[in-house]
Amino acid sequence: MVSSFSRRVVFMLLLTGLFTVLRAQEYKYEIGGMAGGAFYMGDVNKGALFKDMNPAFGGVFRYNANFRWAVKADLMWGRVSGTTAGGEQVFPGNAEALFRRDFFELGGQVEFNFFAYSDKYAYANTKRLSPYVLLGLGMTVAPGKGQTFAGLNLPLGVGVKYKVRNRINLGCEFTFRKLFGDNFDVTDDSNAILDNPYGIDGSVLKNRDWYSLLTLSVTWDFGPRSRPCNNSK
């Protein structure tokens, strides 16, 4: 009788310990989706943030190397648009143009968290919420009626991530995508004036188009860093 009771107590303690270990598990990977808006900066929008916002959405995969560093990959679809109408800028010959363009992006970024990001390990001074900065490299392809744009982009941005509960993360991110061309806004011959309209020689940082993304994300953690010893072989 006593022996049976003792076995039950030991069994319950083992289950409780295993459950605690599983709940305290840290995960290496995240996968999820993001949605928000995109806007363009270039010849018809020199510096107005969030002008002519259009939808954007995609998927995201993140590898968390440790509490501070992460590597992220994204696959995005978005739309940008712009017009010379109503603007203060004067184009050669008083030319007017407008455009709307869908784009696809495949990219990767390295993120640095300002705080050690986790909802566990309080002894390591971890935080459920952390701002971060990112830098990376991507590829943008934008089909057009007459001209297709394809080229590299350089993402630079900031964000904040919050661990709602074990394995669920919310994020908000704002990034600039620097392009290495001035014809992102040229979709056909009707707006060809937007391809270097003033004939000024450009450089990597001058006379190039940009687009920006403001997104919200939800991700799910998976891939435990370590497993309980009874699951090891």
C-alpha atoms as a PDB file:
ATOM      1  CA  MET A   1       0.000   0.000   0.000  1.00  0.00           C
ATOM      2  CA  VAL A   2       2.758   2.401   1.052  1.00  0.00           C
ATOM      3  CA  SER A   3       4.916   1.231  -1.832  1.00  0.00           C
ATOM      4  CA  SER A   4       2.131   1.907  -4.347  1.00  0.00           C
ATOM      5  CA  PHE A   5       1.535   5.371  -2.895  1.00  0.00           C
ATOM      6  CA  SER A   6       5.258   6.143  -3.023  1.00  0.00           C
ATOM      7  CA  ARG A   7       5.460   5.112  -6.664  1.00  0.00           C
ATOM      8  CA  ARG A   8       2.563   7.437  -7.489  1.00  0.00           C
ATOM      9  CA  VAL A   9       4.207  10.353  -5.711  1.00  0.00           C
ATOM     10  CA  VAL A  10       7.503   9.756  -7.522  1.00  0.00           C
ATOM     11  CA  PHE A  11       5.675   9.456 -10.844  1.00  0.00           C
ATOM     12  CA  MET A  12       3.831  12.747 -10.269  1.00  0.00           C
ATOM     13  CA  LEU A  13       7.066  14.498  -9.298  1.00  0.00           C
ATOM     14  CA  LEU A  14       8.759  13.238 -12.466  1.00  0.00           C
ATOM     15  CA  LEU A  15       5.857  14.471 -14.603  1.00  0.00           C
ATOM     16  CA  THR A  16       5.916  17.856 -12.866  1.00  0.00           C
ATOM     17  CA  GLY A  17       9.664  18.157 -13.400  1.00  0.00           C
ATOM     18  CA  LEU A  18       9.410  17.207 -17.069  1.00  0.00           C
ATOM     19  CA  PHE A  19       6.557  19.664 -17.608  1.00  0.00           C
ATOM     20  CA  THR A  20       8.584  22.419 -15.950  1.00  0.00           C
ATOM     21  CA  VAL A  21      11.610  21.698 -18.136  1.00  0.00           C
ATOM     22  CA  LEU A  22       9.503  21.735 -21.293  1.00  0.00           C
ATOM     23  CA  ARG A  23       7.850  25.003 -20.338  1.00  0.00           C
ATOM     24  CA  ALA A  24      11.212  26.585 -19.577  1.00  0.00           C
ATOM     25  CA  GLN A  25      12.646  25.512 -22.917  1.00  0.00           C
ATOM     26  CA  GLU A  26      14.297  28.107 -25.107  1.00  0.00           C
ATOM     27  CA  TYR A  27      13.832  27.841 -28.880  1.00  0.00           C
ATOM     28  CA  LYS A  28      16.257  28.532 -31.720  1.00  0.00           C
ATOM     29  CA  TYR A  29      13.854  29.398 -34.546  1.00  0.00           C
ATOM     30  CA  GLU A  30      10.784  31.510 -35.302  1.00  0.00           C
ATOM     31  CA  ILE A  31       8.426  31.417 -38.250  1.00  0.00           C
ATOM     32  CA  GLY A  32       5.415  33.597 -38.990  1.00  0.00           C
ATOM     33  CA  GLY A  33       3.893  36.354 -41.056  1.00  0.00           C
ATOM     34  CA  MET A  34       3.979  40.117 -41.336  1.00  0.00           C
ATOM     35  CA  ALA A  35       1.644  42.734 -42.759  1.00  0.00           C
ATOM     36  CA  GLY A  36       1.675  46.501 -43.058  1.00  0.00           C
ATOM     37  CA  GLY A  37       2.394  49.223 -45.569  1.00  0.00           C
ATOM     38  CA  ALA A  38       4.999  50.278 -48.141  1.00  0.00           C
ATOM     39  CA  PHE A  39       5.851  53.662 -49.604  1.00  0.00           C
ATOM     40  CA  TYR A  40       8.327  54.972 -52.153  1.00  0.00           C
ATOM     41  CA  MET A  41      10.934  57.720 -52.006  1.00  0.00           C
ATOM     42  CA  GLY A  42      12.558  58.942 -55.211  1.00  0.00           C
ATOM     43  CA  ASP A  43      12.119  61.509 -57.953  1.00  0.00           C
ATOM     44  CA  VAL A  44       8.471  62.252 -57.141  1.00  0.00           C
ATOM     45  CA  ASN A  45       8.832  62.001 -53.350  1.00  0.00           C
ATOM     46  CA  LYS A  46      12.092  63.370 -52.044  1.00  0.00           C
ATOM     47  CA  GLY A  47      11.499  63.127 -48.306  1.00  0.00           C
ATOM     48  CA  ALA A  48       7.861  62.758 -47.201  1.00  0.00           C
ATOM     49  CA  LEU A  49       7.579  59.728 -44.931  1.00  0.00           C
ATOM     50  CA  PHE A  50       4.502  57.496 -45.275  1.00  0.00           C
ATOM     51  CA  LYS A  51       3.267  59.328 -48.398  1.00  0.00           C
ATOM     52  CA  ASP A  52       1.031  57.217 -50.688  1.00  0.00           C
ATOM     53  CA  MET A  53       1.120  54.168 -48.409  1.00  0.00           C
ATOM     54  CA  ASN A  54       0.156  50.875 -50.035  1.00  0.00           C
ATOM     55  CA  PRO A  55      -0.270  47.353 -48.622  1.00  0.00           C
ATOM     56  CA  ALA A  56       2.568  44.921 -48.012  1.00  0.00           C
ATOM     57  CA  PHE A  57       2.689  41.446 -46.495  1.00  0.00           C
ATOM     58  CA  GLY A  58       4.899  38.388 -46.381  1.00  0.00           C
ATOM     59  CA  GLY A  59       6.526  35.637 -44.376  1.00  0.00           C
ATOM     60  CA  VAL A  60       9.461  35.690 -41.981  1.00  0.00           C
ATOM     61  CA  PHE A  61      11.910  33.131 -40.595  1.00  0.00           C
ATOM     62  CA  ARG A  62      14.329  33.963 -37.771  1.00  0.00           C
ATOM     63  CA  TYR A  63      17.268  32.119 -36.223  1.00  0.00           C
ATOM     64  CA  ASN A  64      18.040  33.313 -32.694  1.00  0.00           C
ATOM     65  CA  ALA A  65      21.754  32.782 -32.178  1.00  0.00           C
ATOM     66  CA  ASN A  66      21.509  34.006 -28.587  1.00  0.00           C
ATOM     67  CA  PHE A  67      19.606  36.561 -26.479  1.00  0.00           C
ATOM     68  CA  ARG A  68      21.170  39.500 -28.358  1.00  0.00           C
ATOM     69  CA  TRP A  69      21.740  38.413 -31.963  1.00  0.00           C
ATOM     70  CA  ALA A  70      19.364  36.993 -34.569  1.00  0.00           C
ATOM     71  CA  VAL A  71      19.438  36.333 -38.311  1.00  0.00           C
ATOM     72  CA  LYS A  72      16.205  36.843 -40.224  1.00  0.00           C
ATOM     73  CA  ALA A  73      14.994  35.970 -43.731  1.00  0.00           C
ATOM     74  CA  ASP A  74      11.871  37.441 -45.333  1.00  0.00           C
ATOM     75  CA  LEU A  75       9.822  36.963 -48.476  1.00  0.00           C
ATOM     76  CA  MET A  76       7.638  40.012 -49.148  1.00  0.00           C
ATOM     77  CA  TRP A  77       5.088  41.354 -51.592  1.00  0.00           C
ATOM     78  CA  GLY A  78       4.277  45.051 -51.639  1.00  0.00           C
ATOM     79  CA  ARG A  79       3.031  47.942 -53.746  1.00  0.00           C
ATOM     80  CA  VAL A  80       4.383  51.448 -54.234  1.00  0.00           C
ATOM     81  CA  SER A  81       2.992  54.424 -56.135  1.00  0.00           C
ATOM     82  CA  GLY A  82       3.693  58.073 -56.798  1.00  0.00           C
ATOM     83  CA  THR A  83       2.710  61.047 -58.919  1.00  0.00           C
ATOM     84  CA  THR A  84       4.123  64.418 -59.897  1.00  0.00           C
ATOM     85  CA  ALA A  85       0.653  66.000 -59.638  1.00  0.00           C
ATOM     86  CA  GLY A  86       0.330  68.473 -56.801  1.00  0.00           C
ATOM     87  CA  GLY A  87       4.026  68.389 -55.989  1.00  0.00           C
ATOM     88  CA  GLU A  88       6.334  71.363 -55.668  1.00  0.00           C
ATOM     89  CA  GLN A  89       9.056  69.780 -57.767  1.00  0.00           C
ATOM     90  CA  VAL A  90       9.340  70.935 -61.395  1.00  0.00           C
ATOM     91  CA  PHE A  91      10.534  68.433 -63.999  1.00  0.00           C
ATOM     92  CA  PRO A  92      12.236  69.333 -67.278  1.00  0.00           C
ATOM     93  CA  GLY A  93       9.650  70.534 -69.828  1.00  0.00           C
ATOM     94  CA  ASN A  94       7.026  70.603 -67.032  1.00  0.00           C
ATOM     95  CA  ALA A  95       6.602  66.883 -67.596  1.00  0.00           C
ATOM     96  CA  GLU A  96       4.113  64.997 -65.457  1.00  0.00           C
ATOM     97  CA  ALA A  97       4.157  61.325 -64.595  1.00  0.00           C
ATOM     98  CA  LEU A  98       2.625  58.790 -62.269  1.00  0.00           C
ATOM     99  CA  PHE A  99       3.284  55.154 -61.531  1.00  0.00           C
ATOM    100  CA  ARG A 100       2.089  52.184 -59.528  1.00  0.00           C
ATOM    101  CA  ARG A 101       4.160  49.081 -59.155  1.00  0.00           C
ATOM    102  CA  ASP A 102       4.017  45.759 -57.313  1.00  0.00           C
ATOM    103  CA  PHE A 103       7.288  44.291 -56.082  1.00  0.00           C
ATOM    104  CA  PHE A 104       8.616  41.075 -54.610  1.00  0.00           C
ATOM    105  CA  GLU A 105      11.492  40.896 -52.180  1.00  0.00           C
ATOM    106  CA  LEU A 106      13.683  38.114 -50.850  1.00  0.00           C
ATOM    107  CA  GLY A 107      16.144  39.249 -48.222  1.00  0.00           C
ATOM    108  CA  GLY A 108      18.107  38.577 -45.092  1.00  0.00           C
ATOM    109  CA  GLN A 109      19.040  40.771 -42.142  1.00  0.00           C
ATOM    110  CA  VAL A 110      21.109  40.584 -38.991  1.00  0.00           C
ATOM    111  CA  GLU A 111      19.359  41.932 -35.869  1.00  0.00           C
ATOM    112  CA  PHE A 112      20.865  43.193 -32.620  1.00  0.00           C
ATOM    113  CA  ASN A 113      18.585  43.315 -29.567  1.00  0.00           C
ATOM    114  CA  PHE A 114      19.310  46.121 -27.110  1.00  0.00           C
ATOM    115  CA  PHE A 115      18.089  43.908 -24.248  1.00  0.00           C
ATOM    116  CA  ALA A 116      18.639  40.196 -23.701  1.00  0.00           C
ATOM    117  CA  TYR A 117      15.398  38.941 -25.274  1.00  0.00           C
ATOM    118  CA  SER A 118      13.547  36.104 -23.536  1.00  0.00           C
ATOM    119  CA  ASP A 119      10.661  35.462 -21.160  1.00  0.00           C
ATOM    120  CA  LYS A 120      12.848  33.059 -19.165  1.00  0.00           C
ATOM    121  CA  TYR A 121      16.180  33.144 -17.310  1.00  0.00           C
ATOM    122  CA  ALA A 122      15.482  36.233 -15.188  1.00  0.00           C
ATOM    123  CA  TYR A 123      18.832  35.676 -13.481  1.00  0.00           C
ATOM    124  CA  ALA A 124      20.447  36.684 -16.819  1.00  0.00           C
ATOM    125  CA  ASN A 125      18.495  39.969 -16.784  1.00  0.00           C
ATOM    126  CA  THR A 126      16.389  38.994 -19.787  1.00  0.00           C
ATOM    127  CA  LYS A 127      13.432  41.087 -20.967  1.00  0.00           C
ATOM    128  CA  ARG A 128      10.171  40.156 -22.664  1.00  0.00           C
ATOM    129  CA  LEU A 129      10.377  43.367 -24.705  1.00  0.00           C
ATOM    130  CA  SER A 130      13.381  44.647 -26.625  1.00  0.00           C
ATOM    131  CA  PRO A 131      14.059  47.262 -29.313  1.00  0.00           C
ATOM    132  CA  TYR A 132      16.502  46.238 -32.031  1.00  0.00           C
ATOM    133  CA  VAL A 133      18.356  47.495 -35.089  1.00  0.00           C
ATOM    134  CA  LEU A 134      18.915  45.602 -38.328  1.00  0.00           C
ATOM    135  CA  LEU A 135      21.094  45.631 -41.425  1.00  0.00           C
ATOM    136  CA  GLY A 136      21.070  43.244 -44.345  1.00  0.00           C
ATOM    137  CA  LEU A 137      20.931  42.575 -48.067  1.00  0.00           C
ATOM    138  CA  GLY A 138      18.060  41.624 -50.339  1.00  0.00           C
ATOM    139  CA  MET A 139      16.833  41.217 -53.888  1.00  0.00           C
ATOM    140  CA  THR A 140      13.893  43.201 -55.292  1.00  0.00           C
ATOM    141  CA  VAL A 141      12.003  42.286 -58.464  1.00  0.00           C
ATOM    142  CA  ALA A 142       9.205  44.533 -59.748  1.00  0.00           C
ATOM    143  CA  PRO A 143       7.390  43.545 -62.956  1.00  0.00           C
ATOM    144  CA  GLY A 144       6.206  46.378 -65.230  1.00  0.00           C
ATOM    145  CA  LYS A 145       4.177  46.833 -68.407  1.00  0.00           C
ATOM    146  CA  GLY A 146       7.252  47.752 -70.379  1.00  0.00           C
ATOM    147  CA  GLN A 147      10.141  47.589 -67.950  1.00  0.00           C
ATOM    148  CA  THR A 148      10.907  45.127 -65.181  1.00  0.00           C
ATOM    149  CA  PHE A 149      13.087  46.291 -62.315  1.00  0.00           C
ATOM    150  CA  ALA A 150      15.462  43.787 -60.716  1.00  0.00           C
ATOM    151  CA  GLY A 151      18.257  44.660 -58.349  1.00  0.00           C
ATOM    152  CA  LEU A 152      19.786  44.440 -54.920  1.00  0.00           C
ATOM    153  CA  ASN A 153      18.440  46.365 -51.939  1.00  0.00           C
ATOM    154  CA  LEU A 154      20.146  47.368 -48.713  1.00  0.00           C
ATOM    155  CA  PRO A 155      17.749  47.220 -45.699  1.00  0.00           C
ATOM    156  CA  LEU A 156      18.411  49.404 -42.682  1.00  0.00           C
ATOM    157  CA  GLY A 157      15.905  49.792 -39.879  1.00  0.00           C
ATOM    158  CA  VAL A 158      14.665  49.564 -36.320  1.00  0.00           C
ATOM    159  CA  GLY A 159      12.041  47.521 -34.572  1.00  0.00           C
ATOM    160  CA  VAL A 160      10.665  46.260 -31.305  1.00  0.00           C
ATOM    161  CA  LYS A 161       9.740  42.692 -30.352  1.00  0.00           C
ATOM    162  CA  TYR A 162       7.595  41.447 -27.475  1.00  0.00           C
ATOM    163  CA  LYS A 163       7.189  37.887 -26.234  1.00  0.00           C
ATOM    164  CA  VAL A 164       3.493  37.647 -25.418  1.00  0.00           C
ATOM    165  CA  ARG A 165       3.853  34.191 -23.920  1.00  0.00           C
ATOM    166  CA  ASN A 166       5.931  31.068 -24.333  1.00  0.00           C
ATOM    167  CA  ARG A 167       6.605  30.592 -28.105  1.00  0.00           C
ATOM    168  CA  ILE A 168       4.541  33.593 -29.328  1.00  0.00           C
ATOM    169  CA  ASN A 169       6.208  36.855 -30.396  1.00  0.00           C
ATOM    170  CA  LEU A 170       4.797  40.158 -31.641  1.00  0.00           C
ATOM    171  CA  GLY A 171       6.924  42.621 -33.583  1.00  0.00           C
ATOM    172  CA  CYS A 172       6.795  46.056 -35.170  1.00  0.00           C
ATOM    173  CA  GLU A 173       9.460  47.100 -37.669  1.00  0.00           C
ATOM    174  CA  PHE A 174      10.288  50.136 -39.801  1.00  0.00           C
ATOM    175  CA  THR A 175      12.930  49.840 -42.502  1.00  0.00           C
ATOM    176  CA  PHE A 176      14.366  51.747 -45.438  1.00  0.00           C
ATOM    177  CA  ARG A 177      15.321  49.722 -48.521  1.00  0.00           C
ATOM    178  CA  LYS A 178      18.091  51.444 -50.470  1.00  0.00           C
ATOM    179  CA  LEU A 179      18.042  50.480 -54.147  1.00  0.00           C
ATOM    180  CA  PHE A 180      20.986  50.646 -56.550  1.00  0.00           C
ATOM    181  CA  GLY A 181      19.096  52.166 -59.474  1.00  0.00           C
ATOM    182  CA  ASP A 182      16.958  55.164 -60.425  1.00  0.00           C
ATOM    183  CA  ASN A 183      14.312  53.357 -62.471  1.00  0.00           C
ATOM    184  CA  PHE A 184      12.278  51.626 -59.762  1.00  0.00           C
ATOM    185  CA  ASP A 185       9.508  54.139 -60.588  1.00  0.00           C
ATOM    186  CA  VAL A 186       9.684  53.568 -64.362  1.00  0.00           C
ATOM    187  CA  THR A 187       7.085  51.012 -65.404  1.00  0.00           C
ATOM    188  CA  ASP A 188       6.693  51.946 -69.093  1.00  0.00           C
ATOM    189  CA  ASP A 189       7.442  54.694 -71.616  1.00  0.00           C
ATOM    190  CA  SER A 190       4.732  56.988 -70.201  1.00  0.00           C
ATOM    191  CA  ASN A 191       6.830  57.714 -67.095  1.00  0.00           C
ATOM    192  CA  ALA A 192      10.325  57.335 -68.542  1.00  0.00           C
ATOM    193  CA  ILE A 193      11.024  60.907 -67.386  1.00  0.00           C
ATOM    194  CA  LEU A 194      11.436  59.466 -63.861  1.00  0.00           C
ATOM    195  CA  ASP A 195      14.659  57.685 -64.875  1.00  0.00           C
ATOM    196  CA  ASN A 196      17.239  60.334 -63.891  1.00  0.00           C
ATOM    197  CA  PRO A 197      15.101  63.310 -65.043  1.00  0.00           C
ATOM    198  CA  TYR A 198      17.832  65.917 -64.484  1.00  0.00           C
ATOM    199  CA  GLY A 199      20.658  63.950 -66.079  1.00  0.00           C
ATOM    200  CA  ILE A 200      22.786  64.075 -62.929  1.00  0.00           C
ATOM    201  CA  ASP A 201      25.480  61.457 -62.531  1.00  0.00           C
ATOM    202  CA  GLY A 202      24.629  59.241 -59.593  1.00  0.00           C
ATOM    203  CA  SER A 203      26.575  57.210 -57.072  1.00  0.00           C
ATOM    204  CA  VAL A 204      25.788  54.453 -54.602  1.00  0.00           C
ATOM    205  CA  LEU A 205      24.252  56.956 -52.166  1.00  0.00           C
ATOM    206  CA  LYS A 206      23.039  59.653 -54.586  1.00  0.00           C
ATOM    207  CA  ASN A 207      20.311  59.718 -57.235  1.00  0.00           C
ATOM    208  CA  ARG A 208      18.889  56.313 -56.337  1.00  0.00           C
ATOM    209  CA  ASP A 209      15.360  55.178 -55.433  1.00  0.00           C
ATOM    210  CA  TRP A 210      14.232  53.888 -52.048  1.00  0.00           C
ATOM    211  CA  TYR A 211      11.197  52.164 -50.621  1.00  0.00           C
ATOM    212  CA  SER A 212      10.219  51.650 -47.006  1.00  0.00           C
ATOM    213  CA  LEU A 213       8.192  49.100 -45.065  1.00  0.00           C
ATOM    214  CA  LEU A 214       6.249  49.510 -41.830  1.00  0.00           C
ATOM    215  CA  THR A 215       5.074  46.082 -40.687  1.00  0.00           C
ATOM    216  CA  LEU A 216       3.592  44.168 -37.777  1.00  0.00           C
ATOM    217  CA  SER A 217       4.525  40.517 -37.309  1.00  0.00           C
ATOM    218  CA  VAL A 218       3.473  37.438 -35.373  1.00  0.00           C
ATOM    219  CA  THR A 219       5.922  34.548 -35.047  1.00  0.00           C
ATOM    220  CA  TRP A 220       5.933  31.102 -33.427  1.00  0.00           C
ATOM    221  CA  ASP A 221       9.011  29.619 -31.729  1.00  0.00           C
ATOM    222  CA  PHE A 222      10.193  26.096 -32.538  1.00  0.00           C
ATOM    223  CA  GLY A 223      13.350  23.992 -32.415  1.00  0.00           C
ATOM    224  CA  PRO A 224      14.366  23.580 -28.742  1.00  0.00           C
ATOM    225  CA  ARG A 225      17.974  24.422 -27.951  1.00  0.00           C
ATOM    226  CA  SER A 226      18.312  21.439 -25.632  1.00  0.00           C
ATOM    227  CA  ARG A 227      16.067  18.573 -24.698  1.00  0.00           C
ATOM    228  CA  PRO A 228      15.500  16.769 -21.394  1.00  0.00           C
ATOM    229  CA  CYS A 229      18.019  13.965 -20.879  1.00  0.00           C
ATOM    230  CA  ASN A 230      15.309  11.299 -21.117  1.00  0.00           C
ATOM    231  CA  ASN A 231      14.723  12.371 -24.743  1.00  0.00           C
ATOM    232  CA  SER A 232      18.414  12.183 -25.606  1.00  0.00           C
ATOM    233  CA  LYS A 233      20.096   9.202 -27.165  1.00  0.00           C
END
